[in-house]
Amino acid sequence: MTNLEVIQTIYQAFGEGDFQKMASLFSPDWVGTVPESQPMSGTYRGAEAFITQFISNIPTTWPGFQMEPIAFYESGNTVFVHHKITIGGKTSEGIHMSVVKEGKAISWQPFDDTSHLTSTASV
């Protein structure tokens, strides 16, 4: 599987709610970093922490959350996902950056503008 295919498969699994499949494509030392300007900011280490501490809180933090990849771009071992997110009926576009090593995602960082989107969490 190419780096691009790894990330495409992760996003497909996320969209289908197949978190076990998604987690199988994370390296054991995977790190996700959410900027301080966003709800649920912080550093998540490992698939289990990301799924239980971030993904499981999406429905309460962002009611009506939907994400749709627009395009995937690969540069070496880095894959960028241009996507749109909809929260509470409002839509914004963003970029996610993932790094892949030896067929597994090793990092993820979102660059999303969530400032104008509805949120029940404090920003």
PDB file of N, CA and C in Angstrom:
ATOM      1  N   MET A   1       0.853  -1.176   0.000  1.00  0.00           N
ATOM      2  CA  MET A   1       0.000   0.000   0.000  1.00  0.00           C
ATOM      3  C   MET A   1       0.902   1.244   0.000  1.00  0.00           C
ATOM      4  N   THR A   2       0.607   2.188  -0.863  1.00  0.00           N
ATOM      5  CA  THR A   2       1.387   3.429  -0.920  1.00  0.00           C
ATOM      6  C   THR A   2       1.030   4.320   0.275  1.00  0.00           C
ATOM      7  N   ASN A   3       1.859   5.335   0.511  1.00  0.00           N
ATOM      8  CA  ASN A   3       1.562   6.290   1.583  1.00  0.00           C
ATOM      9  C   ASN A   3       0.188   6.922   1.375  1.00  0.00           C
ATOM     10  N   LEU A   4      -0.090   7.293   0.141  1.00  0.00           N
ATOM     11  CA  LEU A   4      -1.373   7.897  -0.195  1.00  0.00           C
ATOM     12  C   LEU A   4      -2.524   6.937   0.119  1.00  0.00           C
ATOM     13  N   GLU A   5      -2.377   5.677  -0.255  1.00  0.00           N
ATOM     14  CA  GLU A   5      -3.422   4.681  -0.013  1.00  0.00           C
ATOM     15  C   GLU A   5      -3.643   4.434   1.482  1.00  0.00           C
ATOM     16  N   VAL A   6      -2.566   4.489   2.264  1.00  0.00           N
ATOM     17  CA  VAL A   6      -2.702   4.321   3.717  1.00  0.00           C
ATOM     18  C   VAL A   6      -3.629   5.390   4.275  1.00  0.00           C
ATOM     19  N   ILE A   7      -3.374   6.638   3.912  1.00  0.00           N
ATOM     20  CA  ILE A   7      -4.180   7.741   4.442  1.00  0.00           C
ATOM     21  C   ILE A   7      -5.591   7.709   3.872  1.00  0.00           C
ATOM     22  N   GLN A   8      -5.741   7.408   2.600  1.00  0.00           N
ATOM     23  CA  GLN A   8      -7.081   7.292   2.022  1.00  0.00           C
ATOM     24  C   GLN A   8      -7.889   6.214   2.741  1.00  0.00           C
ATOM     25  N   THR A   9      -7.245   5.111   3.075  1.00  0.00           N
ATOM     26  CA  THR A   9      -7.926   4.017   3.769  1.00  0.00           C
ATOM     27  C   THR A   9      -8.303   4.429   5.189  1.00  0.00           C
ATOM     28  N   ILE A  10      -7.445   5.191   5.867  1.00  0.00           N
ATOM     29  CA  ILE A  10      -7.762   5.680   7.206  1.00  0.00           C
ATOM     30  C   ILE A  10      -8.994   6.571   7.158  1.00  0.00           C
ATOM     31  N   TYR A  11      -9.046   7.497   6.203  1.00  0.00           N
ATOM     32  CA  TYR A  11     -10.191   8.408   6.103  1.00  0.00           C
ATOM     33  C   TYR A  11     -11.462   7.664   5.700  1.00  0.00           C
ATOM     34  N   GLN A  12     -11.324   6.661   4.854  1.00  0.00           N
ATOM     35  CA  GLN A  12     -12.480   5.850   4.480  1.00  0.00           C
ATOM     36  C   GLN A  12     -13.000   5.096   5.710  1.00  0.00           C
ATOM     37  N   ALA A  13     -12.095   4.506   6.482  1.00  0.00           N
ATOM     38  CA  ALA A  13     -12.490   3.769   7.683  1.00  0.00           C
ATOM     39  C   ALA A  13     -13.139   4.709   8.695  1.00  0.00           C
ATOM     40  N   PHE A  14     -12.590   5.915   8.850  1.00  0.00           N
ATOM     41  CA  PHE A  14     -13.197   6.903   9.752  1.00  0.00           C
ATOM     42  C   PHE A  14     -14.626   7.202   9.309  1.00  0.00           C
ATOM     43  N   GLY A  15     -14.810   7.456   8.031  1.00  0.00           N
ATOM     44  CA  GLY A  15     -16.137   7.762   7.494  1.00  0.00           C
ATOM     45  C   GLY A  15     -17.137   6.639   7.696  1.00  0.00           C
ATOM     46  N   GLU A  16     -16.649   5.409   7.697  1.00  0.00           N
ATOM     47  CA  GLU A  16     -17.506   4.244   7.885  1.00  0.00           C
ATOM     48  C   GLU A  16     -17.681   3.883   9.363  1.00  0.00           C
ATOM     49  N   GLY A  17     -16.952   4.586  10.226  1.00  0.00           N
ATOM     50  CA  GLY A  17     -17.017   4.268  11.649  1.00  0.00           C
ATOM     51  C   GLY A  17     -16.254   3.015  12.019  1.00  0.00           C
ATOM     52  N   ASP A  18     -15.350   2.573  11.148  1.00  0.00           N
ATOM     53  CA  ASP A  18     -14.555   1.362  11.386  1.00  0.00           C
ATOM     54  C   ASP A  18     -13.230   1.762  12.043  1.00  0.00           C
ATOM     55  N   PHE A  19     -13.305   2.035  13.347  1.00  0.00           N
ATOM     56  CA  PHE A  19     -12.134   2.544  14.054  1.00  0.00           C
ATOM     57  C   PHE A  19     -11.072   1.469  14.269  1.00  0.00           C
ATOM     58  N   GLN A  20     -11.466   0.211  14.266  1.00  0.00           N
ATOM     59  CA  GLN A  20     -10.490  -0.874  14.367  1.00  0.00           C
ATOM     60  C   GLN A  20      -9.619  -0.903  13.111  1.00  0.00           C
ATOM     61  N   LYS A  21     -10.241  -0.767  11.946  1.00  0.00           N
ATOM     62  CA  LYS A  21      -9.481  -0.740  10.695  1.00  0.00           C
ATOM     63  C   LYS A  21      -8.590   0.489  10.650  1.00  0.00           C
ATOM     64  N   MET A  22      -9.134   1.625  11.072  1.00  0.00           N
ATOM     65  CA  MET A  22      -8.360   2.862  11.103  1.00  0.00           C
ATOM     66  C   MET A  22      -7.133   2.679  11.996  1.00  0.00           C
ATOM     67  N   ALA A  23      -7.342   2.156  13.206  1.00  0.00           N
ATOM     68  CA  ALA A  23      -6.258   1.974  14.170  1.00  0.00           C
ATOM     69  C   ALA A  23      -5.185   1.017  13.653  1.00  0.00           C
ATOM     70  N   SER A  24      -5.583   0.055  12.844  1.00  0.00           N
ATOM     71  CA  SER A  24      -4.613  -0.922  12.328  1.00  0.00           C
ATOM     72  C   SER A  24      -3.590  -0.272  11.396  1.00  0.00           C
ATOM     73  N   LEU A  25      -3.904   0.924  10.916  1.00  0.00           N
ATOM     74  CA  LEU A  25      -2.989   1.628  10.012  1.00  0.00           C
ATOM     75  C   LEU A  25      -2.170   2.705  10.717  1.00  0.00           C
ATOM     76  N   PHE A  26      -2.293   2.787  12.043  1.00  0.00           N
ATOM     77  CA  PHE A  26      -1.478   3.696  12.849  1.00  0.00           C
ATOM     78  C   PHE A  26      -0.279   2.919  13.376  1.00  0.00           C
ATOM     79  N   SER A  27       0.889   3.544  13.387  1.00  0.00           N
ATOM     80  CA  SER A  27       2.048   2.915  14.024  1.00  0.00           C
ATOM     81  C   SER A  27       1.834   2.946  15.537  1.00  0.00           C
ATOM     82  N   PRO A  28       2.496   2.061  16.279  1.00  0.00           N
ATOM     83  CA  PRO A  28       2.340   2.072  17.740  1.00  0.00           C
ATOM     84  C   PRO A  28       2.749   3.407  18.378  1.00  0.00           C
ATOM     85  N   ASP A  29       3.656   4.136  17.731  1.00  0.00           N
ATOM     86  CA  ASP A  29       4.122   5.418  18.284  1.00  0.00           C
ATOM     87  C   ASP A  29       3.482   6.624  17.585  1.00  0.00           C
ATOM     88  N   TRP A  30       2.299   6.427  16.988  1.00  0.00           N
ATOM     89  CA  TRP A  30       1.565   7.495  16.299  1.00  0.00           C
ATOM     90  C   TRP A  30       1.299   8.655  17.254  1.00  0.00           C
ATOM     91  N   VAL A  31       1.411   9.890  16.733  1.00  0.00           N
ATOM     92  CA  VAL A  31       1.136  11.095  17.519  1.00  0.00           C
ATOM     93  C   VAL A  31       0.247  12.028  16.702  1.00  0.00           C
ATOM     94  N   GLY A  32      -0.844  12.466  17.305  1.00  0.00           N
ATOM     95  CA  GLY A  32      -1.723  13.460  16.700  1.00  0.00           C
ATOM     96  C   GLY A  32      -1.664  14.733  17.519  1.00  0.00           C
ATOM     97  N   THR A  33      -1.492  15.859  16.854  1.00  0.00           N
ATOM     98  CA  THR A  33      -1.365  17.139  17.549  1.00  0.00           C
ATOM     99  C   THR A  33      -2.451  18.092  17.074  1.00  0.00           C
ATOM    100  N   VAL A  34      -3.352  18.456  17.985  1.00  0.00           N
ATOM    101  CA  VAL A  34      -4.432  19.384  17.674  1.00  0.00           C
ATOM    102  C   VAL A  34      -4.047  20.741  18.261  1.00  0.00           C
ATOM    103  N   PRO A  35      -3.999  21.795  17.424  1.00  0.00           N
ATOM    104  CA  PRO A  35      -3.584  23.118  17.893  1.00  0.00           C
ATOM    105  C   PRO A  35      -4.436  23.644  19.053  1.00  0.00           C
ATOM    106  N   GLU A  36      -3.824  24.457  19.892  1.00  0.00           N
ATOM    107  CA  GLU A  36      -4.499  25.021  21.063  1.00  0.00           C
ATOM    108  C   GLU A  36      -5.719  25.853  20.710  1.00  0.00           C
ATOM    109  N   SER A  37      -5.774  26.373  19.500  1.00  0.00           N
ATOM    110  CA  SER A  37      -6.897  27.222  19.095  1.00  0.00           C
ATOM    111  C   SER A  37      -8.171  26.421  18.827  1.00  0.00           C
ATOM    112  N   GLN A  38      -8.078  25.106  18.857  1.00  0.00           N
ATOM    113  CA  GLN A  38      -9.233  24.278  18.538  1.00  0.00           C
ATOM    114  C   GLN A  38      -9.765  23.557  19.767  1.00  0.00           C
ATOM    115  N   PRO A  39     -11.072  23.256  19.761  1.00  0.00           N
ATOM    116  CA  PRO A  39     -11.606  22.411  20.826  1.00  0.00           C
ATOM    117  C   PRO A  39     -10.866  21.068  20.820  1.00  0.00           C
ATOM    118  N   MET A  40     -10.753  20.467  21.964  1.00  0.00           N
ATOM    119  CA  MET A  40     -10.075  19.177  22.145  1.00  0.00           C
ATOM    120  C   MET A  40      -8.599  19.252  21.759  1.00  0.00           C
ATOM    121  N   SER A  41      -8.000  20.438  21.946  1.00  0.00           N
ATOM    122  CA  SER A  41      -6.583  20.594  21.622  1.00  0.00           C
ATOM    123  C   SER A  41      -5.746  19.679  22.502  1.00  0.00           C
ATOM    124  N   GLY A  42      -4.561  19.372  22.016  1.00  0.00           N
ATOM    125  CA  GLY A  42      -3.637  18.554  22.790  1.00  0.00           C
ATOM    126  C   GLY A  42      -2.888  17.585  21.912  1.00  0.00           C
ATOM    127  N   THR A  43      -2.095  16.770  22.563  1.00  0.00           N
ATOM    128  CA  THR A  43      -1.308  15.755  21.876  1.00  0.00           C
ATOM    129  C   THR A  43      -1.876  14.391  22.248  1.00  0.00           C
ATOM    130  N   TYR A  44      -2.190  13.618  21.245  1.00  0.00           N
ATOM    131  CA  TYR A  44      -2.754  12.281  21.419  1.00  0.00           C
ATOM    132  C   TYR A  44      -1.707  11.269  20.962  1.00  0.00           C
ATOM    133  N   ARG A  45      -1.398  10.333  21.829  1.00  0.00           N
ATOM    134  CA  ARG A  45      -0.364   9.339  21.529  1.00  0.00           C
ATOM    135  C   ARG A  45      -1.001   7.959  21.399  1.00  0.00           C
ATOM    136  N   GLY A  46      -0.941   7.419  20.203  1.00  0.00           N
ATOM    137  CA  GLY A  46      -1.484   6.094  19.940  1.00  0.00           C
ATOM    138  C   GLY A  46      -2.932   6.132  19.493  1.00  0.00           C
ATOM    139  N   ALA A  47      -3.297   5.095  18.736  1.00  0.00           N
ATOM    140  CA  ALA A  47      -4.646   5.007  18.179  1.00  0.00           C
ATOM    141  C   ALA A  47      -5.713   4.947  19.260  1.00  0.00           C
ATOM    142  N   GLU A  48      -5.483   4.173  20.317  1.00  0.00           N
ATOM    143  CA  GLU A  48      -6.500   4.029  21.353  1.00  0.00           C
ATOM    144  C   GLU A  48      -6.804   5.367  22.023  1.00  0.00           C
ATOM    145  N   ALA A  49      -5.774   6.115  22.363  1.00  0.00           N
ATOM    146  CA  ALA A  49      -5.987   7.426  22.999  1.00  0.00           C
ATOM    147  C   ALA A  49      -6.727   8.358  22.056  1.00  0.00           C
ATOM    148  N   PHE A  50      -6.365   8.353  20.774  1.00  0.00           N
ATOM    149  CA  PHE A  50      -7.010   9.220  19.803  1.00  0.00           C
ATOM    150  C   PHE A  50      -8.491   8.874  19.647  1.00  0.00           C
ATOM    151  N   ILE A  51      -8.777   7.598  19.573  1.00  0.00           N
ATOM    152  CA  ILE A  51     -10.162   7.163  19.383  1.00  0.00           C
ATOM    153  C   ILE A  51     -10.998   7.436  20.631  1.00  0.00           C
ATOM    154  N   THR A  52     -10.473   7.117  21.813  1.00  0.00           N
ATOM    155  CA  THR A  52     -11.266   7.265  23.032  1.00  0.00           C
ATOM    156  C   THR A  52     -11.326   8.701  23.542  1.00  0.00           C
ATOM    157  N   GLN A  53     -10.280   9.488  23.317  1.00  0.00           N
ATOM    158  CA  GLN A  53     -10.236  10.837  23.869  1.00  0.00           C
ATOM    159  C   GLN A  53     -10.601  11.927  22.863  1.00  0.00           C
ATOM    160  N   PHE A  54     -10.469  11.648  21.576  1.00  0.00           N
ATOM    161  CA  PHE A  54     -10.781  12.662  20.558  1.00  0.00           C
ATOM    162  C   PHE A  54     -12.017  12.265  19.755  1.00  0.00           C
ATOM    163  N   ILE A  55     -11.913  11.199  19.007  1.00  0.00           N
ATOM    164  CA  ILE A  55     -13.004  10.809  18.107  1.00  0.00           C
ATOM    165  C   ILE A  55     -14.314  10.567  18.863  1.00  0.00           C
ATOM    166  N   SER A  56     -14.245   9.907  20.015  1.00  0.00           N
ATOM    167  CA  SER A  56     -15.480   9.615  20.749  1.00  0.00           C
ATOM    168  C   SER A  56     -16.151  10.876  21.279  1.00  0.00           C
ATOM    169  N   ASN A  57     -15.417  11.985  21.365  1.00  0.00           N
ATOM    170  CA  ASN A  57     -15.987  13.246  21.845  1.00  0.00           C
ATOM    171  C   ASN A  57     -16.494  14.156  20.726  1.00  0.00           C
ATOM    172  N   ILE A  58     -16.294  13.772  19.484  1.00  0.00           N
ATOM    173  CA  ILE A  58     -16.746  14.597  18.356  1.00  0.00           C
ATOM    174  C   ILE A  58     -18.253  14.887  18.421  1.00  0.00           C
ATOM    175  N   PRO A  59     -19.111  13.896  18.661  1.00  0.00           N
ATOM    176  CA  PRO A  59     -20.556  14.183  18.651  1.00  0.00           C
ATOM    177  C   PRO A  59     -20.998  15.234  19.674  1.00  0.00           C
ATOM    178  N   THR A  60     -20.366  15.285  20.847  1.00  0.00           N
ATOM    179  CA  THR A  60     -20.770  16.275  21.845  1.00  0.00           C
ATOM    180  C   THR A  60     -20.057  17.603  21.647  1.00  0.00           C
ATOM    181  N   THR A  61     -18.849  17.564  21.116  1.00  0.00           N
ATOM    182  CA  THR A  61     -18.100  18.806  20.884  1.00  0.00           C
ATOM    183  C   THR A  61     -18.609  19.519  19.639  1.00  0.00           C
ATOM    184  N   TRP A  62     -18.879  18.757  18.584  1.00  0.00           N
ATOM    185  CA  TRP A  62     -19.322  19.311  17.310  1.00  0.00           C
ATOM    186  C   TRP A  62     -20.596  18.601  16.855  1.00  0.00           C
ATOM    187  N   PRO A  63     -21.759  18.996  17.369  1.00  0.00           N
ATOM    188  CA  PRO A  63     -23.010  18.349  16.947  1.00  0.00           C
ATOM    189  C   PRO A  63     -23.202  18.452  15.430  1.00  0.00           C
ATOM    190  N   GLY A  64     -23.619  17.363  14.835  1.00  0.00           N
ATOM    191  CA  GLY A  64     -23.854  17.336  13.396  1.00  0.00           C
ATOM    192  C   GLY A  64     -22.580  17.303  12.565  1.00  0.00           C
ATOM    193  N   PHE A  65     -21.472  16.909  13.169  1.00  0.00           N
ATOM    194  CA  PHE A  65     -20.176  16.876  12.466  1.00  0.00           C
ATOM    195  C   PHE A  65     -20.226  15.949  11.264  1.00  0.00           C
ATOM    196  N   GLN A  66     -19.728  16.465  10.155  1.00  0.00           N
ATOM    197  CA  GLN A  66     -19.532  15.669   8.939  1.00  0.00           C
ATOM    198  C   GLN A  66     -18.212  16.114   8.319  1.00  0.00           C
ATOM    199  N   MET A  67     -17.452  15.170   7.805  1.00  0.00           N
ATOM    200  CA  MET A  67     -16.215  15.499   7.109  1.00  0.00           C
ATOM    201  C   MET A  67     -16.209  14.796   5.760  1.00  0.00           C
ATOM    202  N   GLU A  68     -15.814  15.538   4.748  1.00  0.00           N
ATOM    203  CA  GLU A  68     -15.764  14.991   3.395  1.00  0.00           C
ATOM    204  C   GLU A  68     -14.429  15.346   2.762  1.00  0.00           C
ATOM    205  N   PRO A  69     -13.582  14.337   2.501  1.00  0.00           N
ATOM    206  CA  PRO A  69     -12.342  14.636   1.782  1.00  0.00           C
ATOM    207  C   PRO A  69     -12.654  15.173   0.390  1.00  0.00           C
ATOM    208  N   ILE A  70     -11.913  16.189  -0.004  1.00  0.00           N
ATOM    209  CA  ILE A  70     -12.040  16.771  -1.341  1.00  0.00           C
ATOM    210  C   ILE A  70     -10.942  16.222  -2.242  1.00  0.00           C
ATOM    211  N   ALA A  71      -9.702  16.211  -1.722  1.00  0.00           N
ATOM    212  CA  ALA A  71      -8.560  15.727  -2.502  1.00  0.00           C
ATOM    213  C   ALA A  71      -7.449  15.302  -1.561  1.00  0.00           C
ATOM    214  N   PHE A  72      -6.634  14.362  -2.013  1.00  0.00           N
ATOM    215  CA  PHE A  72      -5.462  13.892  -1.293  1.00  0.00           C
ATOM    216  C   PHE A  72      -4.227  14.244  -2.111  1.00  0.00           C
ATOM    217  N   TYR A  73      -3.185  14.728  -1.431  1.00  0.00           N
ATOM    218  CA  TYR A  73      -1.940  15.106  -2.099  1.00  0.00           C
ATOM    219  C   TYR A  73      -0.780  14.451  -1.363  1.00  0.00           C
ATOM    220  N   GLU A  74       0.133  13.887  -2.126  1.00  0.00           N
ATOM    221  CA  GLU A  74       1.278  13.199  -1.535  1.00  0.00           C
ATOM    222  C   GLU A  74       2.565  13.911  -1.907  1.00  0.00           C
ATOM    223  N   SER A  75       3.427  14.108  -0.918  1.00  0.00           N
ATOM    224  CA  SER A  75       4.757  14.659  -1.135  1.00  0.00           C
ATOM    225  C   SER A  75       5.724  13.852  -0.282  1.00  0.00           C
ATOM    226  N   GLY A  76       6.423  12.933  -0.911  1.00  0.00           N
ATOM    227  CA  GLY A  76       7.303  12.047  -0.158  1.00  0.00           C
ATOM    228  C   GLY A  76       6.485  11.199   0.797  1.00  0.00           C
ATOM    229  N   ASN A  77       6.850  11.223   2.085  1.00  0.00           N
ATOM    230  CA  ASN A  77       6.106  10.428   3.059  1.00  0.00           C
ATOM    231  C   ASN A  77       5.014  11.232   3.771  1.00  0.00           C
ATOM    232  N   THR A  78       4.732  12.435   3.261  1.00  0.00           N
ATOM    233  CA  THR A  78       3.696  13.289   3.834  1.00  0.00           C
ATOM    234  C   THR A  78       2.484  13.322   2.909  1.00  0.00           C
ATOM    235  N   VAL A  79       1.304  13.150   3.501  1.00  0.00           N
ATOM    236  CA  VAL A  79       0.059  13.180   2.737  1.00  0.00           C
ATOM    237  C   VAL A  79      -0.824  14.284   3.320  1.00  0.00           C
ATOM    238  N   PHE A  80      -1.336  15.135   2.440  1.00  0.00           N
ATOM    239  CA  PHE A  80      -2.220  16.229   2.829  1.00  0.00           C
ATOM    240  C   PHE A  80      -3.629  15.892   2.359  1.00  0.00           C
ATOM    241  N   VAL A  81      -4.601  16.138   3.217  1.00  0.00           N
ATOM    242  CA  VAL A  81      -5.995  15.896   2.873  1.00  0.00           C
ATOM    243  C   VAL A  81      -6.722  17.235   2.897  1.00  0.00           C
ATOM    244  N   HIS A  82      -7.153  17.681   1.721  1.00  0.00           N
ATOM    245  CA  HIS A  82      -8.003  18.865   1.619  1.00  0.00           C
ATOM    246  C   HIS A  82      -9.419  18.356   1.832  1.00  0.00           C
ATOM    247  N   HIS A  83     -10.122  18.948   2.780  1.00  0.00           N
ATOM    248  CA  HIS A  83     -11.440  18.436   3.134  1.00  0.00           C
ATOM    249  C   HIS A  83     -12.373  19.578   3.501  1.00  0.00           C
ATOM    250  N   LYS A  84     -13.634  19.231   3.579  1.00  0.00           N
ATOM    251  CA  LYS A  84     -14.587  20.183   4.138  1.00  0.00           C
ATOM    252  C   LYS A  84     -15.222  19.525   5.349  1.00  0.00           C
ATOM    253  N   ILE A  85     -15.473  20.354   6.366  1.00  0.00           N
ATOM    254  CA  ILE A  85     -16.176  19.881   7.545  1.00  0.00           C
ATOM    255  C   ILE A  85     -17.430  20.716   7.713  1.00  0.00           C
ATOM    256  N   THR A  86     -18.473  20.043   8.158  1.00  0.00           N
ATOM    257  CA  THR A  86     -19.730  20.710   8.442  1.00  0.00           C
ATOM    258  C   THR A  86     -20.071  20.425   9.891  1.00  0.00           C
ATOM    259  N   ILE A  87     -20.371  21.498  10.611  1.00  0.00           N
ATOM    260  CA  ILE A  87     -20.745  21.405  12.018  1.00  0.00           C
ATOM    261  C   ILE A  87     -21.926  22.342  12.230  1.00  0.00           C
ATOM    262  N   GLY A  88     -22.997  21.803  12.763  1.00  0.00           N
ATOM    263  CA  GLY A  88     -24.161  22.636  13.037  1.00  0.00           C
ATOM    264  C   GLY A  88     -24.683  23.360  11.814  1.00  0.00           C
ATOM    265  N   GLY A  89     -24.552  22.748  10.638  1.00  0.00           N
ATOM    266  CA  GLY A  89     -25.047  23.352   9.409  1.00  0.00           C
ATOM    267  C   GLY A  89     -24.118  24.354   8.762  1.00  0.00           C
ATOM    268  N   LYS A  90     -22.966  24.632   9.378  1.00  0.00           N
ATOM    269  CA  LYS A  90     -21.987  25.558   8.794  1.00  0.00           C
ATOM    270  C   LYS A  90     -20.810  24.757   8.261  1.00  0.00           C
ATOM    271  N   THR A  91     -20.269  25.187   7.115  1.00  0.00           N
ATOM    272  CA  THR A  91     -19.208  24.441   6.449  1.00  0.00           C
ATOM    273  C   THR A  91     -17.945  25.269   6.332  1.00  0.00           C
ATOM    274  N   SER A  92     -16.826  24.593   6.477  1.00  0.00           N
ATOM    275  CA  SER A  92     -15.510  25.205   6.343  1.00  0.00           C
ATOM    276  C   SER A  92     -14.593  24.195   5.663  1.00  0.00           C
ATOM    277  N   GLU A  93     -13.530  24.676   5.046  1.00  0.00           N
ATOM    278  CA  GLU A  93     -12.538  23.786   4.452  1.00  0.00           C
ATOM    279  C   GLU A  93     -11.261  23.833   5.273  1.00  0.00           C
ATOM    280  N   GLY A  94     -10.485  22.766   5.181  1.00  0.00           N
ATOM    281  CA  GLY A  94      -9.233  22.698   5.907  1.00  0.00           C
ATOM    282  C   GLY A  94      -8.286  21.698   5.276  1.00  0.00           C
ATOM    283  N   ILE A  95      -7.162  21.562   5.928  1.00  0.00           N
ATOM    284  CA  ILE A  95      -6.118  20.631   5.497  1.00  0.00           C
ATOM    285  C   ILE A  95      -5.703  19.802   6.709  1.00  0.00           C
ATOM    286  N   HIS A  96      -5.513  18.517   6.500  1.00  0.00           N
ATOM    287  CA  HIS A  96      -4.910  17.651   7.501  1.00  0.00           C
ATOM    288  C   HIS A  96      -3.592  17.149   6.917  1.00  0.00           C
ATOM    289  N   MET A  97      -2.583  17.031   7.756  1.00  0.00           N
ATOM    290  CA  MET A  97      -1.268  16.565   7.315  1.00  0.00           C
ATOM    291  C   MET A  97      -0.918  15.303   8.089  1.00  0.00           C
ATOM    292  N   SER A  98      -0.581  14.241   7.361  1.00  0.00           N
ATOM    293  CA  SER A  98      -0.173  12.982   7.974  1.00  0.00           C
ATOM    294  C   SER A  98       1.170  12.556   7.407  1.00  0.00           C
ATOM    295  N   VAL A  99       1.951  11.914   8.247  1.00  0.00           N
ATOM    296  CA  VAL A  99       3.231  11.352   7.813  1.00  0.00           C
ATOM    297  C   VAL A  99       3.119   9.838   7.932  1.00  0.00           C
ATOM    298  N   VAL A 100       3.622   9.145   6.911  1.00  0.00           N
ATOM    299  CA  VAL A 100       3.560   7.689   6.853  1.00  0.00           C
ATOM    300  C   VAL A 100       4.979   7.141   6.801  1.00  0.00           C
ATOM    301  N   LYS A 101       5.205   6.084   7.554  1.00  0.00           N
ATOM    302  CA  LYS A 101       6.510   5.419   7.553  1.00  0.00           C
ATOM    303  C   LYS A 101       6.277   3.918   7.589  1.00  0.00           C
ATOM    304  N   GLU A 102       6.888   3.229   6.650  1.00  0.00           N
ATOM    305  CA  GLU A 102       6.808   1.771   6.574  1.00  0.00           C
ATOM    306  C   GLU A 102       5.369   1.265   6.585  1.00  0.00           C
ATOM    307  N   GLY A 103       4.497   1.946   5.842  1.00  0.00           N
ATOM    308  CA  GLY A 103       3.125   1.501   5.668  1.00  0.00           C
ATOM    309  C   GLY A 103       2.171   1.825   6.797  1.00  0.00           C
ATOM    310  N   LYS A 104       2.615   2.644   7.759  1.00  0.00           N
ATOM    311  CA  LYS A 104       1.754   3.024   8.880  1.00  0.00           C
ATOM    312  C   LYS A 104       1.818   4.535   9.077  1.00  0.00           C
ATOM    313  N   ALA A 105       0.703   5.127   9.446  1.00  0.00           N
ATOM    314  CA  ALA A 105       0.675   6.552   9.774  1.00  0.00           C
ATOM    315  C   ALA A 105       1.428   6.747  11.082  1.00  0.00           C
ATOM    316  N   ILE A 106       2.328   7.753  11.116  1.00  0.00           N
ATOM    317  CA  ILE A 106       3.077   8.011  12.344  1.00  0.00           C
ATOM    318  C   ILE A 106       2.697   9.346  12.985  1.00  0.00           C
ATOM    319  N   SER A 107       2.037  10.226  12.210  1.00  0.00           N
ATOM    320  CA  SER A 107       1.604  11.492  12.799  1.00  0.00           C
ATOM    321  C   SER A 107       0.449  12.083  12.011  1.00  0.00           C
ATOM    322  N   TRP A 108      -0.254  12.992  12.695  1.00  0.00           N
ATOM    323  CA  TRP A 108      -1.407  13.683  12.091  1.00  0.00           C
ATOM    324  C   TRP A 108      -1.527  15.048  12.732  1.00  0.00           C
ATOM    325  N   GLN A 109      -1.797  16.061  11.909  1.00  0.00           N
ATOM    326  CA  GLN A 109      -2.044  17.402  12.425  1.00  0.00           C
ATOM    327  C   GLN A 109      -3.089  18.088  11.557  1.00  0.00           C
ATOM    328  N   PRO A 110      -4.167  18.587  12.197  1.00  0.00           N
ATOM    329  CA  PRO A 110      -5.195  19.300  11.442  1.00  0.00           C
ATOM    330  C   PRO A 110      -4.883  20.789  11.346  1.00  0.00           C
ATOM    331  N   PHE A 111      -5.248  21.376  10.243  1.00  0.00           N
ATOM    332  CA  PHE A 111      -5.186  22.825  10.036  1.00  0.00           C
ATOM    333  C   PHE A 111      -6.589  23.238   9.600  1.00  0.00           C
ATOM    334  N   ASP A 112      -7.477  23.329  10.586  1.00  0.00           N
ATOM    335  CA  ASP A 112      -8.887  23.607  10.326  1.00  0.00           C
ATOM    336  C   ASP A 112      -9.273  24.950  10.911  1.00  0.00           C
ATOM    337  N   ASP A 113     -10.152  25.662  10.213  1.00  0.00           N
ATOM    338  CA  ASP A 113     -10.729  26.891  10.734  1.00  0.00           C
ATOM    339  C   ASP A 113     -12.061  26.528  11.364  1.00  0.00           C
ATOM    340  N   THR A 114     -12.062  26.350  12.676  1.00  0.00           N
ATOM    341  CA  THR A 114     -13.294  25.997  13.372  1.00  0.00           C
ATOM    342  C   THR A 114     -13.863  27.181  14.153  1.00  0.00           C
ATOM    343  N   SER A 115     -13.258  28.355  14.013  1.00  0.00           N
ATOM    344  CA  SER A 115     -13.652  29.510  14.822  1.00  0.00           C
ATOM    345  C   SER A 115     -15.097  29.950  14.589  1.00  0.00           C
ATOM    346  N   HIS A 116     -15.612  29.759  13.395  1.00  0.00           N
ATOM    347  CA  HIS A 116     -16.973  30.200  13.103  1.00  0.00           C
ATOM    348  C   HIS A 116     -17.987  29.052  13.146  1.00  0.00           C
ATOM    349  N   LEU A 117     -17.531  27.876  13.484  1.00  0.00           N
ATOM    350  CA  LEU A 117     -18.417  26.718  13.496  1.00  0.00           C
ATOM    351  C   LEU A 117     -19.017  26.536  14.883  1.00  0.00           C
ATOM    352  N   THR A 118     -20.211  26.017  14.924  1.00  0.00           N
ATOM    353  CA  THR A 118     -20.908  25.784  16.188  1.00  0.00           C
ATOM    354  C   THR A 118     -20.155  24.758  17.004  1.00  0.00           C
ATOM    355  N   SER A 119     -19.969  25.045  18.285  1.00  0.00           N
ATOM    356  CA  SER A 119     -19.304  24.113  19.180  1.00  0.00           C
ATOM    357  C   SER A 119     -19.885  24.237  20.565  1.00  0.00           C
ATOM    358  N   THR A 120     -20.023  23.113  21.249  1.00  0.00           N
ATOM    359  CA  THR A 120     -20.472  23.140  22.624  1.00  0.00           C
ATOM    360  C   THR A 120     -19.288  23.179  23.573  1.00  0.00           C
ATOM    361  N   ALA A 121     -18.080  23.009  23.030  1.00  0.00           N
ATOM    362  CA  ALA A 121     -16.875  23.051  23.864  1.00  0.00           C
ATOM    363  C   ALA A 121     -16.349  24.477  23.919  1.00  0.00           C
ATOM    364  N   SER A 122     -15.672  24.789  24.983  1.00  0.00           N
ATOM    365  CA  SER A 122     -15.051  26.123  25.060  1.00  0.00           C
ATOM    366  C   SER A 122     -13.790  26.131  24.227  1.00  0.00           C
ATOM    367  N   VAL A 123     -13.576  27.222  23.559  1.00  0.00           N
ATOM    368  CA  VAL A 123     -12.413  27.353  22.666  1.00  0.00           C
ATOM    369  C   VAL A 123     -11.313  28.051  23.399  1.00  0.00           C
TER     370      VAL A 123
END
